[in-house]
PDB file of all heavy atoms in Angstrom:
ATOM      1  N   PHE A   1     -83.567-107.198  89.118  1.00  0.00           N
ATOM      2  CA  PHE A   1     -84.140-107.509  90.428  1.00  0.00           C
ATOM      3  C   PHE A   1     -84.500-108.969  90.627  1.00  0.00           C
ATOM      4  O   PHE A   1     -85.270-109.405  89.856  1.00  0.00           O
ATOM      5  CB  PHE A   1     -85.307-106.537  90.772  1.00  0.00           C
ATOM      6  CG  PHE A   1     -85.956-106.807  92.086  1.00  0.00           C
ATOM      7  CD1 PHE A   1     -85.141-106.945  93.236  1.00  0.00           C
ATOM      8  CD2 PHE A   1     -87.347-106.920  92.202  1.00  0.00           C
ATOM      9  CE1 PHE A   1     -85.786-107.199  94.540  1.00  0.00           C
ATOM     10  CE2 PHE A   1     -87.955-107.206  93.349  1.00  0.00           C
ATOM     11  CZ  PHE A   1     -87.171-107.385  94.557  1.00  0.00           C
ATOM     12  N   LYS A   2     -83.975-109.695  91.552  1.00  0.00           N
ATOM     13  CA  LYS A   2     -84.290-110.910  91.817  1.00  0.00           C
ATOM     14  C   LYS A   2     -84.931-111.002  93.124  1.00  0.00           C
ATOM     15  O   LYS A   2     -84.206-110.834  94.177  1.00  0.00           O
ATOM     16  CB  LYS A   2     -82.942-111.880  91.775  1.00  0.00           C
ATOM     17  CG  LYS A   2     -82.370-112.001  90.374  1.00  0.00           C
ATOM     18  CD  LYS A   2     -81.053-112.730  90.428  1.00  0.00           C
ATOM     19  CE  LYS A   2     -81.229-114.109  90.756  1.00  0.00           C
ATOM     20  NZ  LYS A   2     -80.024-115.057  90.734  1.00  0.00           N
ATOM     21  N   ASN A   3     -86.166-111.548  93.246  1.00  0.00           N
ATOM     22  CA  ASN A   3     -86.896-111.588  94.335  1.00  0.00           C
ATOM     23  C   ASN A   3     -87.225-113.124  94.853  1.00  0.00           C
ATOM     24  O   ASN A   3     -87.893-113.780  94.070  1.00  0.00           O
ATOM     25  CB  ASN A   3     -88.238-110.891  94.252  1.00  0.00           C
ATOM     26  CG  ASN A   3     -89.004-110.771  95.558  1.00  0.00           C
ATOM     27  OD1 ASN A   3     -88.523-110.928  96.683  1.00  0.00           O
ATOM     28  ND2 ASN A   3     -90.437-110.619  95.458  1.00  0.00           N
ATOM     29  N   GLU A   4     -86.711-113.608  95.879  1.00  0.00           N
ATOM     30  CA  GLU A   4     -86.906-114.987  96.305  1.00  0.00           C
ATOM     31  C   GLU A   4     -88.253-114.989  96.974  1.00  0.00           C
ATOM     32  O   GLU A   4     -88.616-114.463  98.016  1.00  0.00           O
ATOM     33  CB  GLU A   4     -85.883-115.281  97.328  1.00  0.00           C
ATOM     34  CG  GLU A   4     -85.908-116.819  97.751  1.00  0.00           C
ATOM     35  CD  GLU A   4     -84.806-117.306  98.718  1.00  0.00           C
ATOM     36  OE1 GLU A   4     -84.409-116.325  99.522  1.00  0.00           O
ATOM     37  OE2 GLU A   4     -84.460-118.421  98.733  1.00  0.00           O
ATOM     38  N   VAL A   5     -89.206-115.671  96.217  1.00  0.00           N
ATOM     39  CA  VAL A   5     -90.588-115.966  96.710  1.00  0.00           C
ATOM     40  C   VAL A   5     -90.787-117.246  97.334  1.00  0.00           C
ATOM     41  O   VAL A   5     -91.735-117.365  98.160  1.00  0.00           O
ATOM     42  CB  VAL A   5     -91.544-115.691  95.450  1.00  0.00           C
ATOM     43  CG1 VAL A   5     -91.509-114.325  94.967  1.00  0.00           C
ATOM     44  CG2 VAL A   5     -91.166-116.678  94.339  1.00  0.00           C
ATOM     45  N   LEU A   6     -90.015-118.277  97.012  1.00  0.00           N
ATOM     46  CA  LEU A   6     -90.059-119.427  97.707  1.00  0.00           C
ATOM     47  C   LEU A   6     -88.513-119.903  97.912  1.00  0.00           C
ATOM     48  O   LEU A   6     -87.725-119.439  97.215  1.00  0.00           O
ATOM     49  CB  LEU A   6     -90.772-120.539  96.898  1.00  0.00           C
ATOM     50  CG  LEU A   6     -92.400-120.419  96.733  1.00  0.00           C
ATOM     51  CD1 LEU A   6     -92.848-121.412  95.774  1.00  0.00           C
ATOM     52  CD2 LEU A   6     -93.060-120.567  98.111  1.00  0.00           C
ATOM     53  N   PRO A   7     -88.236-120.739  98.979  1.00  0.00           N
ATOM     54  CA  PRO A   7     -86.873-121.079  99.144  1.00  0.00           C
ATOM     55  C   PRO A   7     -86.119-121.472  97.860  1.00  0.00           C
ATOM     56  O   PRO A   7     -86.530-122.507  97.241  1.00  0.00           O
ATOM     57  CB  PRO A   7     -86.926-122.255 100.176  1.00  0.00           C
ATOM     58  CG  PRO A   7     -88.093-121.927 100.920  1.00  0.00           C
ATOM     59  CD  PRO A   7     -89.155-121.289  99.859  1.00  0.00           C
ATOM     60  N   GLY A   8     -85.189-120.880  97.359  1.00  0.00           N
ATOM     61  CA  GLY A   8     -84.430-121.283  96.132  1.00  0.00           C
ATOM     62  C   GLY A   8     -85.191-120.812  94.865  1.00  0.00           C
ATOM     63  O   GLY A   8     -84.616-121.093  93.855  1.00  0.00           O
ATOM     64  N   HIS A   9     -86.319-120.236  94.905  1.00  0.00           N
ATOM     65  CA  HIS A   9     -87.025-119.844  93.677  1.00  0.00           C
ATOM     66  C   HIS A   9     -87.117-118.334  93.688  1.00  0.00           C
ATOM     67  O   HIS A   9     -87.652-117.758  94.546  1.00  0.00           O
ATOM     68  CB  HIS A   9     -88.468-120.498  93.711  1.00  0.00           C
ATOM     69  CG  HIS A   9     -89.329-120.114  92.538  1.00  0.00           C
ATOM     70  ND1 HIS A   9     -89.019-120.541  91.253  1.00  0.00           N
ATOM     71  CD2 HIS A   9     -90.381-119.322  92.359  1.00  0.00           C
ATOM     72  CE1 HIS A   9     -89.919-120.043  90.443  1.00  0.00           C
ATOM     73  NE2 HIS A   9     -90.704-119.310  91.129  1.00  0.00           N
ATOM     74  N   PHE A  10     -86.687-117.719  92.444  1.00  0.00           N
ATOM     75  CA  PHE A  10     -86.594-116.279  92.404  1.00  0.00           C
ATOM     76  C   PHE A  10     -87.457-115.829  91.205  1.00  0.00           C
ATOM     77  O   PHE A  10     -87.459-116.451  90.085  1.00  0.00           O
ATOM     78  CB  PHE A  10     -85.130-115.815  92.130  1.00  0.00           C
ATOM     79  CG  PHE A  10     -84.366-116.072  93.356  1.00  0.00           C
ATOM     80  CD1 PHE A  10     -83.668-117.428  93.403  1.00  0.00           C
ATOM     81  CD2 PHE A  10     -84.030-115.166  94.318  1.00  0.00           C
ATOM     82  CE1 PHE A  10     -82.820-117.648  94.440  1.00  0.00           C
ATOM     83  CE2 PHE A  10     -83.143-115.511  95.343  1.00  0.00           C
ATOM     84  CZ  PHE A  10     -82.556-116.683  95.417  1.00  0.00           C
ATOM     85  N   GLU A  11     -88.140-114.737  91.357  1.00  0.00           N
ATOM     86  CA  GLU A  11     -88.794-114.013  90.214  1.00  0.00           C
ATOM     87  C   GLU A  11     -87.832-112.869  89.855  1.00  0.00           C
ATOM     88  O   GLU A  11     -87.256-112.150  90.668  1.00  0.00           O
ATOM     89  CB  GLU A  11     -90.150-113.473  90.632  1.00  0.00           C
ATOM     90  CG  GLU A  11     -91.158-114.589  90.977  1.00  0.00           C
ATOM     91  CD  GLU A  11     -92.458-113.903  91.364  1.00  0.00           C
ATOM     92  OE1 GLU A  11     -92.583-112.730  91.612  1.00  0.00           O
ATOM     93  OE2 GLU A  11     -93.442-114.679  91.336  1.00  0.00           O
ATOM     94  N   THR A  12     -87.666-112.710  88.554  1.00  0.00           N
ATOM     95  CA  THR A  12     -86.601-111.818  87.994  1.00  0.00           C
ATOM     96  C   THR A  12     -87.281-110.727  87.091  1.00  0.00           C
ATOM     97  O   THR A  12     -88.075-111.015  86.287  1.00  0.00           O
ATOM     98  CB  THR A  12     -85.487-112.512  87.227  1.00  0.00           C
ATOM     99  OG1 THR A  12     -84.967-113.421  88.021  1.00  0.00           O
ATOM    100  CG2 THR A  12     -84.430-111.536  86.727  1.00  0.00           C
ATOM    101  N   GLN A  13     -86.862-109.522  87.361  1.00  0.00           N
ATOM    102  CA  GLN A  13     -87.330-108.331  86.533  1.00  0.00           C
ATOM    103  C   GLN A  13     -86.106-107.534  86.083  1.00  0.00           C
ATOM    104  O   GLN A  13     -85.174-107.261  86.880  1.00  0.00           O
ATOM    105  CB  GLN A  13     -88.292-107.410  87.222  1.00  0.00           C
ATOM    106  CG  GLN A  13     -89.652-107.915  87.508  1.00  0.00           C
ATOM    107  CD  GLN A  13     -90.493-106.875  88.231  1.00  0.00           C
ATOM    108  OE1 GLN A  13     -90.526-106.885  89.503  1.00  0.00           O
ATOM    109  NE2 GLN A  13     -91.078-105.894  87.587  1.00  0.00           N
ATOM    110  N   ASP A  14     -86.099-107.192  84.808  1.00  0.00           N
ATOM    111  CA  ASP A  14     -85.042-106.277  84.323  1.00  0.00           C
ATOM    112  C   ASP A  14     -85.557-104.837  83.987  1.00  0.00           C
ATOM    113  O   ASP A  14     -86.655-104.774  83.511  1.00  0.00           O
ATOM    114  CB  ASP A  14     -84.360-106.904  83.035  1.00  0.00           C
ATOM    115  CG  ASP A  14     -83.400-107.922  83.271  1.00  0.00           C
ATOM    116  OD1 ASP A  14     -83.164-108.293  84.437  1.00  0.00           O
ATOM    117  OD2 ASP A  14     -82.889-108.495  82.296  1.00  0.00           O
ATOM    118  N   PHE A  15     -84.702-103.897  84.401  1.00  0.00           N
ATOM    119  CA  PHE A  15     -85.083-102.512  84.101  1.00  0.00           C
ATOM    120  C   PHE A  15     -84.069-101.759  83.332  1.00  0.00           C
ATOM    121  O   PHE A  15     -82.942-101.773  83.739  1.00  0.00           O
ATOM    122  CB  PHE A  15     -85.372-101.727  85.443  1.00  0.00           C
ATOM    123  CG  PHE A  15     -86.405-102.304  86.341  1.00  0.00           C
ATOM    124  CD1 PHE A  15     -86.066-103.260  87.236  1.00  0.00           C
ATOM    125  CD2 PHE A  15     -87.786-101.915  86.214  1.00  0.00           C
ATOM    126  CE1 PHE A  15     -86.931-103.815  88.117  1.00  0.00           C
ATOM    127  CE2 PHE A  15     -88.780-102.508  87.069  1.00  0.00           C
ATOM    128  CZ  PHE A  15     -88.302-103.423  88.051  1.00  0.00           C
ATOM    129  N   VAL A  16     -84.353-101.391  82.042  1.00  0.00           N
ATOM    130  CA  VAL A  16     -83.383-100.708  81.246  1.00  0.00           C
ATOM    131  C   VAL A  16     -84.064 -99.768  80.351  1.00  0.00           C
ATOM    132  O   VAL A  16     -85.123 -99.968  79.760  1.00  0.00           O
ATOM    133  CB  VAL A  16     -82.529-101.756  80.399  1.00  0.00           C
ATOM    134  CG1 VAL A  16     -83.409-102.619  79.520  1.00  0.00           C
ATOM    135  CG2 VAL A  16     -81.421-101.109  79.657  1.00  0.00           C
ATOM    136  N   TYR A  17     -83.479 -98.515  80.253  1.00  0.00           N
ATOM    137  CA  TYR A  17     -83.980 -97.499  79.296  1.00  0.00           C
ATOM    138  C   TYR A  17     -82.775 -97.168  78.388  1.00  0.00           C
ATOM    139  O   TYR A  17     -81.851 -96.389  78.857  1.00  0.00           O
ATOM    140  CB  TYR A  17     -84.486 -96.270  79.999  1.00  0.00           C
ATOM    141  CG  TYR A  17     -85.910 -96.513  80.704  1.00  0.00           C
ATOM    142  CD1 TYR A  17     -86.028 -97.070  81.922  1.00  0.00           C
ATOM    143  CD2 TYR A  17     -87.106 -96.298  80.015  1.00  0.00           C
ATOM    144  CE1 TYR A  17     -87.119 -97.415  82.601  1.00  0.00           C
ATOM    145  CE2 TYR A  17     -88.321 -96.442  80.677  1.00  0.00           C
ATOM    146  CZ  TYR A  17     -88.323 -97.157  81.960  1.00  0.00           C
ATOM    147  OH  TYR A  17     -89.529 -97.390  82.584  1.00  0.00           O
ATOM    148  N   GLU A  18     -82.728 -97.483  77.178  1.00  0.00           N
ATOM    149  CA  GLU A  18     -81.650 -97.319  76.243  1.00  0.00           C
ATOM    150  C   GLU A  18     -81.385 -95.798  76.065  1.00  0.00           C
ATOM    151  O   GLU A  18     -80.091 -95.511  76.034  1.00  0.00           O
ATOM    152  CB  GLU A  18     -81.838 -97.980  75.012  1.00  0.00           C
ATOM    153  CG  GLU A  18     -81.705 -99.531  75.025  1.00  0.00           C
ATOM    154  CD  GLU A  18     -80.452-100.160  75.488  1.00  0.00           C
ATOM    155  OE1 GLU A  18     -79.348 -99.402  75.388  1.00  0.00           O
ATOM    156  OE2 GLU A  18     -80.418-101.263  75.988  1.00  0.00           O
ATOM    157  N   ASN A  19     -82.457 -95.021  75.954  1.00  0.00           N
ATOM    158  CA  ASN A  19     -82.143 -93.601  75.740  1.00  0.00           C
ATOM    159  C   ASN A  19     -82.524 -92.779  77.006  1.00  0.00           C
ATOM    160  O   ASN A  19     -82.687 -91.603  76.969  1.00  0.00           O
ATOM    161  CB  ASN A  19     -83.039 -93.095  74.558  1.00  0.00           C
ATOM    162  CG  ASN A  19     -82.628 -93.880  73.236  1.00  0.00           C
ATOM    163  OD1 ASN A  19     -81.445 -93.758  72.930  1.00  0.00           O
ATOM    164  ND2 ASN A  19     -83.566 -94.535  72.753  1.00  0.00           N
ATOM    165  N   GLY A  20     -82.511 -93.411  78.095  1.00  0.00           N
ATOM    166  CA  GLY A  20     -82.750 -92.685  79.400  1.00  0.00           C
ATOM    167  C   GLY A  20     -84.120 -91.910  79.583  1.00  0.00           C
ATOM    168  O   GLY A  20     -85.196 -92.561  79.255  1.00  0.00           O
ATOM    169  N   ILE A  21     -83.972 -90.704  80.070  1.00  0.00           N
ATOM    170  CA  ILE A  21     -85.222 -90.162  80.494  1.00  0.00           C
ATOM    171  C   ILE A  21     -86.192 -89.742  79.346  1.00  0.00           C
ATOM    172  O   ILE A  21     -87.402 -89.611  79.567  1.00  0.00           O
ATOM    173  CB  ILE A  21     -84.872 -88.694  81.220  1.00  0.00           C
ATOM    174  CG1 ILE A  21     -84.044 -87.784  80.340  1.00  0.00           C
ATOM    175  CG2 ILE A  21     -84.188 -89.013  82.495  1.00  0.00           C
ATOM    176  CD1 ILE A  21     -83.721 -86.455  81.033  1.00  0.00           C
ATOM    177  N   ILE A  22     -85.682 -89.582  78.042  1.00  0.00           N
ATOM    178  CA  ILE A  22     -86.743 -89.375  76.945  1.00  0.00           C
ATOM    179  C   ILE A  22     -87.541 -90.503  76.728  1.00  0.00           C
ATOM    180  O   ILE A  22     -88.720 -90.405  76.415  1.00  0.00           O
ATOM    181  CB  ILE A  22     -85.986 -88.836  75.634  1.00  0.00           C
ATOM    182  CG1 ILE A  22     -86.928 -88.507  74.618  1.00  0.00           C
ATOM    183  CG2 ILE A  22     -84.970 -89.954  75.174  1.00  0.00           C
ATOM    184  CD1 ILE A  22     -87.829 -87.247  74.947  1.00  0.00           C
ATOM    185  N   ASP A  23     -87.030 -91.738  76.843  1.00  0.00           N
ATOM    186  CA  ASP A  23     -87.784 -92.961  76.629  1.00  0.00           C
ATOM    187  C   ASP A  23     -88.809 -93.105  77.819  1.00  0.00           C
ATOM    188  O   ASP A  23     -89.973 -93.598  77.613  1.00  0.00           O
ATOM    189  CB  ASP A  23     -86.964 -94.165  76.717  1.00  0.00           C
ATOM    190  CG  ASP A  23     -86.166 -94.410  75.393  1.00  0.00           C
ATOM    191  OD1 ASP A  23     -86.427 -93.700  74.407  1.00  0.00           O
ATOM    192  OD2 ASP A  23     -85.208 -95.344  75.314  1.00  0.00           O
ATOM    193  N   TYR A  24     -88.411 -92.675  78.934  1.00  0.00           N
ATOM    194  CA  TYR A  24     -89.345 -92.780  80.092  1.00  0.00           C
ATOM    195  C   TYR A  24     -90.489 -91.771  79.988  1.00  0.00           C
ATOM    196  O   TYR A  24     -91.708 -92.135  80.233  1.00  0.00           O
ATOM    197  CB  TYR A  24     -88.505 -92.492  81.381  1.00  0.00           C
ATOM    198  CG  TYR A  24     -89.207 -92.494  82.750  1.00  0.00           C
ATOM    199  CD1 TYR A  24     -90.025 -93.586  83.017  1.00  0.00           C
ATOM    200  CD2 TYR A  24     -89.167 -91.371  83.625  1.00  0.00           C
ATOM    201  CE1 TYR A  24     -90.772 -93.562  84.230  1.00  0.00           C
ATOM    202  CE2 TYR A  24     -89.813 -91.389  84.806  1.00  0.00           C
ATOM    203  CZ  TYR A  24     -90.554 -92.515  85.111  1.00  0.00           C
ATOM    204  OH  TYR A  24     -91.284 -92.523  86.392  1.00  0.00           O
TER     205      TYR A  24
END
């Protein structure tokens, strides 16, 4: 997820669960 907070400036978050629902 890339969120533009200022013109041309983005805050980035990654979401990943290698083993899916058991990790969650």
